[in-house]
Amino acid sequence: MAEKTKYLWINNHPQNDQNVYVYYNERGEEIYGNTVTESNFDSPYSKQSIYKNPRCVGVAYRFVKKVPVGGDIVGLTDINLNEYEKLKELWDGKNNNN
């Protein structure tokens, strides 16, 4: 019996207080998310969940690793506008030096 296709979902809650799972999709690209389901359409979270606006990021083809709470992945929702502006300056500076 063939294994069912699994889908990786991410929510818009700050990523620094929840586990993040890394998978390869069917093209071998890394994708990041918080939960895996058998649907790419039905939200994995209830209407009462603290996790809002989930988005399916793709087929969870092969598991790579789990980044535990407080791990090394930071999402843009985890920083404030001032921190983002500083990072943007840094990124722009690196691009200008190439």
PDB file of N, CA and C in Angstrom:
ATOM      1  N   MET A   1       0.837  -1.185   0.000  1.00  0.00           N
ATOM      2  CA  MET A   1       0.000   0.000   0.000  1.00  0.00           C
ATOM      3  C   MET A   1       0.880   1.247   0.000  1.00  0.00           C
ATOM      4  N   ALA A   2       0.590   2.159  -0.875  1.00  0.00           N
ATOM      5  CA  ALA A   2       1.389   3.380  -0.996  1.00  0.00           C
ATOM      6  C   ALA A   2       1.150   4.293   0.206  1.00  0.00           C
ATOM      7  N   GLU A   3       2.220   4.944   0.612  1.00  0.00           N
ATOM      8  CA  GLU A   3       2.124   5.882   1.733  1.00  0.00           C
ATOM      9  C   GLU A   3       1.390   7.142   1.273  1.00  0.00           C
ATOM     10  N   LYS A   4       0.539   7.675   2.154  1.00  0.00           N
ATOM     11  CA  LYS A   4      -0.219   8.883   1.815  1.00  0.00           C
ATOM     12  C   LYS A   4       0.711  10.092   1.760  1.00  0.00           C
ATOM     13  N   THR A   5       0.378  11.029   0.897  1.00  0.00           N
ATOM     14  CA  THR A   5       1.142  12.269   0.793  1.00  0.00           C
ATOM     15  C   THR A   5       0.929  13.088   2.057  1.00  0.00           C
ATOM     16  N   LYS A   6       2.003  13.619   2.601  1.00  0.00           N
ATOM     17  CA  LYS A   6       1.951  14.452   3.805  1.00  0.00           C
ATOM     18  C   LYS A   6       2.270  15.894   3.415  1.00  0.00           C
ATOM     19  N   TYR A   7       1.640  16.832   4.110  1.00  0.00           N
ATOM     20  CA  TYR A   7       1.825  18.255   3.832  1.00  0.00           C
ATOM     21  C   TYR A   7       2.293  18.978   5.088  1.00  0.00           C
ATOM     22  N   LEU A   8       3.219  19.907   4.908  1.00  0.00           N
ATOM     23  CA  LEU A   8       3.770  20.688   6.007  1.00  0.00           C
ATOM     24  C   LEU A   8       3.090  22.048   6.054  1.00  0.00           C
ATOM     25  N   TRP A   9       2.660  22.437   7.249  1.00  0.00           N
ATOM     26  CA  TRP A   9       1.972  23.709   7.469  1.00  0.00           C
ATOM     27  C   TRP A   9       2.764  24.577   8.430  1.00  0.00           C
ATOM     28  N   ILE A  10       2.674  25.888   8.226  1.00  0.00           N
ATOM     29  CA  ILE A  10       3.272  26.856   9.138  1.00  0.00           C
ATOM     30  C   ILE A  10       2.191  27.854   9.535  1.00  0.00           C
ATOM     31  N   ASN A  11       2.292  28.385  10.748  1.00  0.00           N
ATOM     32  CA  ASN A  11       1.328  29.384  11.201  1.00  0.00           C
ATOM     33  C   ASN A  11       2.031  30.713  11.404  1.00  0.00           C
ATOM     34  N   ASN A  12       1.268  31.768  11.681  1.00  0.00           N
ATOM     35  CA  ASN A  12       1.881  33.088  11.810  1.00  0.00           C
ATOM     36  C   ASN A  12       2.206  33.455  13.251  1.00  0.00           C
ATOM     37  N   HIS A  13       2.132  32.493  14.145  1.00  0.00           N
ATOM     38  CA  HIS A  13       2.532  32.712  15.537  1.00  0.00           C
ATOM     39  C   HIS A  13       4.061  32.813  15.581  1.00  0.00           C
ATOM     40  N   PRO A  14       4.630  33.604  16.503  1.00  0.00           N
ATOM     41  CA  PRO A  14       6.105  33.679  16.571  1.00  0.00           C
ATOM     42  C   PRO A  14       6.733  32.283  16.627  1.00  0.00           C
ATOM     43  N   GLN A  15       7.739  32.086  15.819  1.00  0.00           N
ATOM     44  CA  GLN A  15       8.355  30.769  15.671  1.00  0.00           C
ATOM     45  C   GLN A  15       9.336  30.430  16.792  1.00  0.00           C
ATOM     46  N   ASN A  16       9.713  31.410  17.602  1.00  0.00           N
ATOM     47  CA  ASN A  16      10.709  31.138  18.636  1.00  0.00           C
ATOM     48  C   ASN A  16      10.127  30.422  19.854  1.00  0.00           C
ATOM     49  N   ASP A  17       8.799  30.245  19.921  1.00  0.00           N
ATOM     50  CA  ASP A  17       8.225  29.536  21.064  1.00  0.00           C
ATOM     51  C   ASP A  17       7.493  28.257  20.647  1.00  0.00           C
ATOM     52  N   GLN A  18       7.847  27.723  19.489  1.00  0.00           N
ATOM     53  CA  GLN A  18       7.276  26.456  19.047  1.00  0.00           C
ATOM     54  C   GLN A  18       8.299  25.691  18.216  1.00  0.00           C
ATOM     55  N   ASN A  19       8.120  24.395  18.154  1.00  0.00           N
ATOM     56  CA  ASN A  19       9.024  23.580  17.351  1.00  0.00           C
ATOM     57  C   ASN A  19       8.842  23.888  15.872  1.00  0.00           C
ATOM     58  N   VAL A  20       9.938  23.850  15.142  1.00  0.00           N
ATOM     59  CA  VAL A  20       9.907  24.022  13.693  1.00  0.00           C
ATOM     60  C   VAL A  20      10.493  22.746  13.091  1.00  0.00           C
ATOM     61  N   TYR A  21       9.782  22.210  12.103  1.00  0.00           N
ATOM     62  CA  TYR A  21      10.215  20.985  11.439  1.00  0.00           C
ATOM     63  C   TYR A  21      10.706  21.325  10.041  1.00  0.00           C
ATOM     64  N   VAL A  22      11.809  20.724   9.669  1.00  0.00           N
ATOM     65  CA  VAL A  22      12.406  20.948   8.358  1.00  0.00           C
ATOM     66  C   VAL A  22      12.242  19.654   7.556  1.00  0.00           C
ATOM     67  N   TYR A  23      11.713  19.803   6.351  1.00  0.00           N
ATOM     68  CA  TYR A  23      11.526  18.677   5.435  1.00  0.00           C
ATOM     69  C   TYR A  23      12.086  19.060   4.078  1.00  0.00           C
ATOM     70  N   TYR A  24      12.389  18.048   3.274  1.00  0.00           N
ATOM     71  CA  TYR A  24      12.616  18.260   1.848  1.00  0.00           C
ATOM     72  C   TYR A  24      11.280  18.070   1.160  1.00  0.00           C
ATOM     73  N   ASN A  25      10.989  18.945   0.189  1.00  0.00           N
ATOM     74  CA  ASN A  25       9.785  18.736  -0.616  1.00  0.00           C
ATOM     75  C   ASN A  25      10.127  17.777  -1.755  1.00  0.00           C
ATOM     76  N   GLU A  26       9.199  17.569  -2.659  1.00  0.00           N
ATOM     77  CA  GLU A  26       9.403  16.609  -3.748  1.00  0.00           C
ATOM     78  C   GLU A  26      10.490  17.039  -4.727  1.00  0.00           C
ATOM     79  N   ARG A  27      10.905  18.312  -4.684  1.00  0.00           N
ATOM     80  CA  ARG A  27      11.987  18.807  -5.546  1.00  0.00           C
ATOM     81  C   ARG A  27      13.329  18.867  -4.816  1.00  0.00           C
ATOM     82  N   GLY A  28      13.366  18.407  -3.567  1.00  0.00           N
ATOM     83  CA  GLY A  28      14.600  18.411  -2.793  1.00  0.00           C
ATOM     84  C   GLY A  28      14.903  19.738  -2.128  1.00  0.00           C
ATOM     85  N   GLU A  29      13.938  20.661  -2.102  1.00  0.00           N
ATOM     86  CA  GLU A  29      14.128  21.969  -1.459  1.00  0.00           C
ATOM     87  C   GLU A  29      13.708  21.883   0.000  1.00  0.00           C
ATOM     88  N   GLU A  30      14.440  22.580   0.885  1.00  0.00           N
ATOM     89  CA  GLU A  30      14.060  22.604   2.293  1.00  0.00           C
ATOM     90  C   GLU A  30      12.831  23.472   2.480  1.00  0.00           C
ATOM     91  N   ILE A  31      11.861  22.944   3.250  1.00  0.00           N
ATOM     92  CA  ILE A  31      10.693  23.723   3.646  1.00  0.00           C
ATOM     93  C   ILE A  31      10.570  23.639   5.161  1.00  0.00           C
ATOM     94  N   TYR A  32       9.976  24.653   5.762  1.00  0.00           N
ATOM     95  CA  TYR A  32       9.897  24.769   7.210  1.00  0.00           C
ATOM     96  C   TYR A  32       8.445  24.899   7.631  1.00  0.00           C
ATOM     97  N   GLY A  33       8.081  24.258   8.743  1.00  0.00           N
ATOM     98  CA  GLY A  33       6.718  24.368   9.233  1.00  0.00           C
ATOM     99  C   GLY A  33       6.578  23.850  10.646  1.00  0.00           C
ATOM    100  N   ASN A  34       5.321  23.845  11.113  1.00  0.00           N
ATOM    101  CA  ASN A  34       5.045  23.484  12.499  1.00  0.00           C
ATOM    102  C   ASN A  34       4.273  22.190  12.667  1.00  0.00           C
ATOM    103  N   THR A  35       3.561  21.772  11.633  1.00  0.00           N
ATOM    104  CA  THR A  35       2.774  20.551  11.759  1.00  0.00           C
ATOM    105  C   THR A  35       2.611  19.888  10.392  1.00  0.00           C
ATOM    106  N   VAL A  36       2.474  18.568  10.420  1.00  0.00           N
ATOM    107  CA  VAL A  36       2.320  17.786   9.195  1.00  0.00           C
ATOM    108  C   VAL A  36       0.947  17.122   9.219  1.00  0.00           C
ATOM    109  N   THR A  37       0.245  17.200   8.082  1.00  0.00           N
ATOM    110  CA  THR A  37      -1.071  16.579   7.972  1.00  0.00           C
ATOM    111  C   THR A  37      -1.185  15.853   6.636  1.00  0.00           C
ATOM    112  N   GLU A  38      -2.325  15.209   6.425  1.00  0.00           N
ATOM    113  CA  GLU A  38      -2.584  14.536   5.150  1.00  0.00           C
ATOM    114  C   GLU A  38      -3.404  15.405   4.208  1.00  0.00           C
ATOM    115  N   SER A  39      -3.605  16.677   4.555  1.00  0.00           N
ATOM    116  CA  SER A  39      -4.392  17.580   3.706  1.00  0.00           C
ATOM    117  C   SER A  39      -3.609  18.848   3.421  1.00  0.00           C
ATOM    118  N   ASN A  40      -3.696  19.315   2.195  1.00  0.00           N
ATOM    119  CA  ASN A  40      -3.086  20.604   1.854  1.00  0.00           C
ATOM    120  C   ASN A  40      -4.166  21.688   1.769  1.00  0.00           C
ATOM    121  N   PHE A  41      -5.384  21.342   2.184  1.00  0.00           N
ATOM    122  CA  PHE A  41      -6.504  22.268   2.100  1.00  0.00           C
ATOM    123  C   PHE A  41      -7.108  22.568   3.473  1.00  0.00           C
ATOM    124  N   ASP A  42      -7.355  21.536   4.276  1.00  0.00           N
ATOM    125  CA  ASP A  42      -7.988  21.710   5.586  1.00  0.00           C
ATOM    126  C   ASP A  42      -6.960  22.141   6.625  1.00  0.00           C
ATOM    127  N   SER A  43      -7.249  23.238   7.307  1.00  0.00           N
ATOM    128  CA  SER A  43      -6.344  23.762   8.342  1.00  0.00           C
ATOM    129  C   SER A  43      -6.110  22.715   9.425  1.00  0.00           C
ATOM    130  N   PRO A  44      -4.870  22.583   9.877  1.00  0.00           N
ATOM    131  CA  PRO A  44      -4.586  21.632  10.956  1.00  0.00           C
ATOM    132  C   PRO A  44      -4.991  22.173  12.330  1.00  0.00           C
ATOM    133  N   TYR A  45      -5.443  23.414  12.391  1.00  0.00           N
ATOM    134  CA  TYR A  45      -5.785  24.054  13.667  1.00  0.00           C
ATOM    135  C   TYR A  45      -7.281  24.332  13.754  1.00  0.00           C
ATOM    136  N   SER A  46      -7.819  24.232  14.951  1.00  0.00           N
ATOM    137  CA  SER A  46      -9.236  24.533  15.162  1.00  0.00           C
ATOM    138  C   SER A  46      -9.455  26.044  15.158  1.00  0.00           C
ATOM    139  N   LYS A  47     -10.707  26.455  15.075  1.00  0.00           N
ATOM    140  CA  LYS A  47     -11.036  27.886  15.103  1.00  0.00           C
ATOM    141  C   LYS A  47     -10.660  28.516  16.441  1.00  0.00           C
ATOM    142  N   GLN A  48     -10.588  27.729  17.508  1.00  0.00           N
ATOM    143  CA  GLN A  48     -10.244  28.232  18.840  1.00  0.00           C
ATOM    144  C   GLN A  48      -8.737  28.232  19.106  1.00  0.00           C
ATOM    145  N   SER A  49      -7.964  27.718  18.189  1.00  0.00           N
ATOM    146  CA  SER A  49      -6.517  27.609  18.370  1.00  0.00           C
ATOM    147  C   SER A  49      -5.864  28.990  18.491  1.00  0.00           C
ATOM    148  N   ILE A  50      -4.767  29.046  19.229  1.00  0.00           N
ATOM    149  CA  ILE A  50      -3.991  30.296  19.301  1.00  0.00           C
ATOM    150  C   ILE A  50      -3.209  30.519  18.010  1.00  0.00           C
ATOM    151  N   TYR A  51      -3.064  29.472  17.209  1.00  0.00           N
ATOM    152  CA  TYR A  51      -2.327  29.572  15.960  1.00  0.00           C
ATOM    153  C   TYR A  51      -3.272  30.000  14.843  1.00  0.00           C
ATOM    154  N   LYS A  52      -2.979  31.131  14.229  1.00  0.00           N
ATOM    155  CA  LYS A  52      -3.869  31.709  13.219  1.00  0.00           C
ATOM    156  C   LYS A  52      -3.213  31.730  11.840  1.00  0.00           C
ATOM    157  N   ASN A  53      -4.043  31.847  10.832  1.00  0.00           N
ATOM    158  CA  ASN A  53      -3.612  31.993   9.439  1.00  0.00           C
ATOM    159  C   ASN A  53      -2.574  30.960   9.014  1.00  0.00           C
ATOM    160  N   PRO A  54      -2.850  29.680   9.227  1.00  0.00           N
ATOM    161  CA  PRO A  54      -1.884  28.671   8.775  1.00  0.00           C
ATOM    162  C   PRO A  54      -1.807  28.655   7.256  1.00  0.00           C
ATOM    163  N   ARG A  55      -0.654  28.231   6.775  1.00  0.00           N
ATOM    164  CA  ARG A  55      -0.410  28.174   5.333  1.00  0.00           C
ATOM    165  C   ARG A  55       0.316  26.869   5.031  1.00  0.00           C
ATOM    166  N   CYS A  56      -0.160  26.158   4.040  1.00  0.00           N
ATOM    167  CA  CYS A  56       0.517  24.931   3.611  1.00  0.00           C
ATOM    168  C   CYS A  56       1.753  25.339   2.812  1.00  0.00           C
ATOM    169  N   VAL A  57       2.925  24.861   3.232  1.00  0.00           N
ATOM    170  CA  VAL A  57       4.162  25.253   2.557  1.00  0.00           C
ATOM    171  C   VAL A  57       4.629  24.220   1.539  1.00  0.00           C
ATOM    172  N   GLY A  58       3.967  23.054   1.507  1.00  0.00           N
ATOM    173  CA  GLY A  58       4.312  22.086   0.490  1.00  0.00           C
ATOM    174  C   GLY A  58       4.250  20.652   0.963  1.00  0.00           C
ATOM    175  N   VAL A  59       4.674  19.763   0.082  1.00  0.00           N
ATOM    176  CA  VAL A  59       4.694  18.337   0.376  1.00  0.00           C
ATOM    177  C   VAL A  59       5.869  18.041   1.298  1.00  0.00           C
ATOM    178  N   ALA A  60       5.570  17.381   2.422  1.00  0.00           N
ATOM    179  CA  ALA A  60       6.612  16.962   3.366  1.00  0.00           C
ATOM    180  C   ALA A  60       7.120  15.600   2.888  1.00  0.00           C
ATOM    181  N   TYR A  61       8.058  15.632   1.961  1.00  0.00           N
ATOM    182  CA  TYR A  61       8.514  14.421   1.290  1.00  0.00           C
ATOM    183  C   TYR A  61       9.471  13.605   2.162  1.00  0.00           C
ATOM    184  N   ARG A  62      10.484  14.295   2.735  1.00  0.00           N
ATOM    185  CA  ARG A  62      11.463  13.592   3.577  1.00  0.00           C
ATOM    186  C   ARG A  62      11.868  14.466   4.747  1.00  0.00           C
ATOM    187  N   PHE A  63      11.776  13.907   5.954  1.00  0.00           N
ATOM    188  CA  PHE A  63      12.134  14.631   7.175  1.00  0.00           C
ATOM    189  C   PHE A  63      13.638  14.915   7.201  1.00  0.00           C
ATOM    190  N   VAL A  64      13.991  16.170   7.584  1.00  0.00           N
ATOM    191  CA  VAL A  64      15.400  16.559   7.706  1.00  0.00           C
ATOM    192  C   VAL A  64      15.773  16.695   9.170  1.00  0.00           C
ATOM    193  N   LYS A  65      15.060  17.577   9.895  1.00  0.00           N
ATOM    194  CA  LYS A  65      15.381  17.772  11.309  1.00  0.00           C
ATOM    195  C   LYS A  65      14.266  18.541  12.006  1.00  0.00           C
ATOM    196  N   LYS A  66      14.333  18.497  13.325  1.00  0.00           N
ATOM    197  CA  LYS A  66      13.427  19.264  14.176  1.00  0.00           C
ATOM    198  C   LYS A  66      14.261  20.338  14.865  1.00  0.00           C
ATOM    199  N   VAL A  67      13.814  21.585  14.769  1.00  0.00           N
ATOM    200  CA  VAL A  67      14.472  22.681  15.481  1.00  0.00           C
ATOM    201  C   VAL A  67      13.617  22.942  16.716  1.00  0.00           C
ATOM    202  N   PRO A  68      14.131  22.601  17.912  1.00  0.00           N
ATOM    203  CA  PRO A  68      13.308  22.724  19.116  1.00  0.00           C
ATOM    204  C   PRO A  68      13.011  24.171  19.480  1.00  0.00           C
ATOM    205  N   VAL A  69      12.036  24.338  20.371  1.00  0.00           N
ATOM    206  CA  VAL A  69      11.675  25.664  20.876  1.00  0.00           C
ATOM    207  C   VAL A  69      12.938  26.400  21.288  1.00  0.00           C
ATOM    208  N   GLY A  70      13.048  27.674  20.860  1.00  0.00           N
ATOM    209  CA  GLY A  70      14.232  28.461  21.186  1.00  0.00           C
ATOM    210  C   GLY A  70      15.421  28.117  20.311  1.00  0.00           C
ATOM    211  N   GLY A  71      15.183  27.389  19.205  1.00  0.00           N
ATOM    212  CA  GLY A  71      16.264  26.964  18.327  1.00  0.00           C
ATOM    213  C   GLY A  71      16.806  28.096  17.482  1.00  0.00           C
ATOM    214  N   ASP A  72      17.476  27.733  16.384  1.00  0.00           N
ATOM    215  CA  ASP A  72      18.220  28.711  15.594  1.00  0.00           C
ATOM    216  C   ASP A  72      17.455  29.316  14.426  1.00  0.00           C
ATOM    217  N   ILE A  73      16.140  29.127  14.353  1.00  0.00           N
ATOM    218  CA  ILE A  73      15.355  29.726  13.273  1.00  0.00           C
ATOM    219  C   ILE A  73      14.597  30.927  13.826  1.00  0.00           C
ATOM    220  N   VAL A  74      14.731  32.046  13.156  1.00  0.00           N
ATOM    221  CA  VAL A  74      14.017  33.257  13.553  1.00  0.00           C
ATOM    222  C   VAL A  74      13.169  33.708  12.383  1.00  0.00           C
ATOM    223  N   GLY A  75      11.892  33.893  12.623  1.00  0.00           N
ATOM    224  CA  GLY A  75      10.998  34.392  11.588  1.00  0.00           C
ATOM    225  C   GLY A  75      10.883  35.895  11.686  1.00  0.00           C
ATOM    226  N   LEU A  76      10.452  36.530  10.608  1.00  0.00           N
ATOM    227  CA  LEU A  76      10.316  37.990  10.634  1.00  0.00           C
ATOM    228  C   LEU A  76       9.253  38.450  11.618  1.00  0.00           C
ATOM    229  N   THR A  77       8.351  37.559  12.023  1.00  0.00           N
ATOM    230  CA  THR A  77       7.370  37.945  13.046  1.00  0.00           C
ATOM    231  C   THR A  77       7.978  37.949  14.442  1.00  0.00           C
ATOM    232  N   ASP A  78       9.203  37.439  14.572  1.00  0.00           N
ATOM    233  CA  ASP A  78       9.858  37.360  15.873  1.00  0.00           C
ATOM    234  C   ASP A  78      10.686  38.600  16.205  1.00  0.00           C
ATOM    235  N   ILE A  79      10.749  39.560  15.295  1.00  0.00           N
ATOM    236  CA  ILE A  79      11.540  40.765  15.526  1.00  0.00           C
ATOM    237  C   ILE A  79      10.663  42.000  15.346  1.00  0.00           C
ATOM    238  N   ASN A  80      11.085  43.089  15.973  1.00  0.00           N
ATOM    239  CA  ASN A  80      10.312  44.323  15.807  1.00  0.00           C
ATOM    240  C   ASN A  80      10.830  45.107  14.602  1.00  0.00           C
ATOM    241  N   LEU A  81      10.158  46.188  14.282  1.00  0.00           N
ATOM    242  CA  LEU A  81      10.485  46.954  13.082  1.00  0.00           C
ATOM    243  C   LEU A  81      11.910  47.513  13.125  1.00  0.00           C
ATOM    244  N   ASN A  82      12.357  48.007  14.285  1.00  0.00           N
ATOM    245  CA  ASN A  82      13.728  48.539  14.401  1.00  0.00           C
ATOM    246  C   ASN A  82      14.766  47.455  14.125  1.00  0.00           C
ATOM    247  N   GLU A  83      14.532  46.265  14.680  1.00  0.00           N
ATOM    248  CA  GLU A  83      15.460  45.156  14.442  1.00  0.00           C
ATOM    249  C   GLU A  83      15.471  44.768  12.967  1.00  0.00           C
ATOM    250  N   TYR A  84      14.292  44.766  12.348  1.00  0.00           N
ATOM    251  CA  TYR A  84      14.205  44.446  10.928  1.00  0.00           C
ATOM    252  C   TYR A  84      14.989  45.463  10.092  1.00  0.00           C
ATOM    253  N   GLU A  85      14.837  46.750  10.399  1.00  0.00           N
ATOM    254  CA  GLU A  85      15.544  47.792   9.648  1.00  0.00           C
ATOM    255  C   GLU A  85      17.057  47.610   9.756  1.00  0.00           C
ATOM    256  N   LYS A  86      17.537  47.253  10.947  1.00  0.00           N
ATOM    257  CA  LYS A  86      18.978  47.017  11.126  1.00  0.00           C
ATOM    258  C   LYS A  86      19.441  45.820  10.292  1.00  0.00           C
ATOM    259  N   LEU A  87      18.635  44.760  10.295  1.00  0.00           N
ATOM    260  CA  LEU A  87      18.981  43.596   9.480  1.00  0.00           C
ATOM    261  C   LEU A  87      18.974  43.948   7.995  1.00  0.00           C
ATOM    262  N   LYS A  88      17.987  44.716   7.581  1.00  0.00           N
ATOM    263  CA  LYS A  88      17.899  45.115   6.174  1.00  0.00           C
ATOM    264  C   LYS A  88      19.137  45.914   5.761  1.00  0.00           C
ATOM    265  N   GLU A  89      19.597  46.832   6.623  1.00  0.00           N
ATOM    266  CA  GLU A  89      20.824  47.589   6.345  1.00  0.00           C
ATOM    267  C   GLU A  89      22.004  46.636   6.189  1.00  0.00           C
ATOM    268  N   LEU A  90      22.081  45.659   7.074  1.00  0.00           N
ATOM    269  CA  LEU A  90      23.159  44.676   7.014  1.00  0.00           C
ATOM    270  C   LEU A  90      23.103  43.900   5.701  1.00  0.00           C
ATOM    271  N   TRP A  91      21.910  43.420   5.345  1.00  0.00           N
ATOM    272  CA  TRP A  91      21.750  42.657   4.109  1.00  0.00           C
ATOM    273  C   TRP A  91      22.093  43.504   2.899  1.00  0.00           C
ATOM    274  N   ASP A  92      21.602  44.749   2.881  1.00  0.00           N
ATOM    275  CA  ASP A  92      21.877  45.632   1.751  1.00  0.00           C
ATOM    276  C   ASP A  92      23.379  45.926   1.639  1.00  0.00           C
ATOM    277  N   GLY A  93      24.031  46.101   2.779  1.00  0.00           N
ATOM    278  CA  GLY A  93      25.466  46.347   2.790  1.00  0.00           C
ATOM    279  C   GLY A  93      26.245  45.185   2.238  1.00  0.00           C
ATOM    280  N   LYS A  94      25.827  43.962   2.561  1.00  0.00           N
ATOM    281  CA  LYS A  94      26.497  42.766   2.046  1.00  0.00           C
ATOM    282  C   LYS A  94      26.311  42.666   0.544  1.00  0.00           C
ATOM    283  N   ASN A  95      25.120  43.020   0.064  1.00  0.00           N
ATOM    284  CA  ASN A  95      24.859  42.952  -1.372  1.00  0.00           C
ATOM    285  C   ASN A  95      25.676  44.002  -2.116  1.00  0.00           C
ATOM    286  N   ASN A  96      25.911  45.166  -1.516  1.00  0.00           N
ATOM    287  CA  ASN A  96      26.664  46.229  -2.169  1.00  0.00           C
ATOM    288  C   ASN A  96      28.156  45.928  -2.223  1.00  0.00           C
ATOM    289  N   ASN A  97      28.635  45.064  -1.317  1.00  0.00           N
ATOM    290  CA  ASN A  97      30.063  44.736  -1.278  1.00  0.00           C
ATOM    291  C   ASN A  97      30.432  43.631  -2.254  1.00  0.00           C
ATOM    292  N   ASN A  98      29.461  43.014  -2.875  1.00  0.00           N
ATOM    293  CA  ASN A  98      29.744  41.908  -3.820  1.00  0.00           C
ATOM    294  C   ASN A  98      30.050  42.425  -5.189  1.00  0.00           C
TER     295      ASN A  98
END
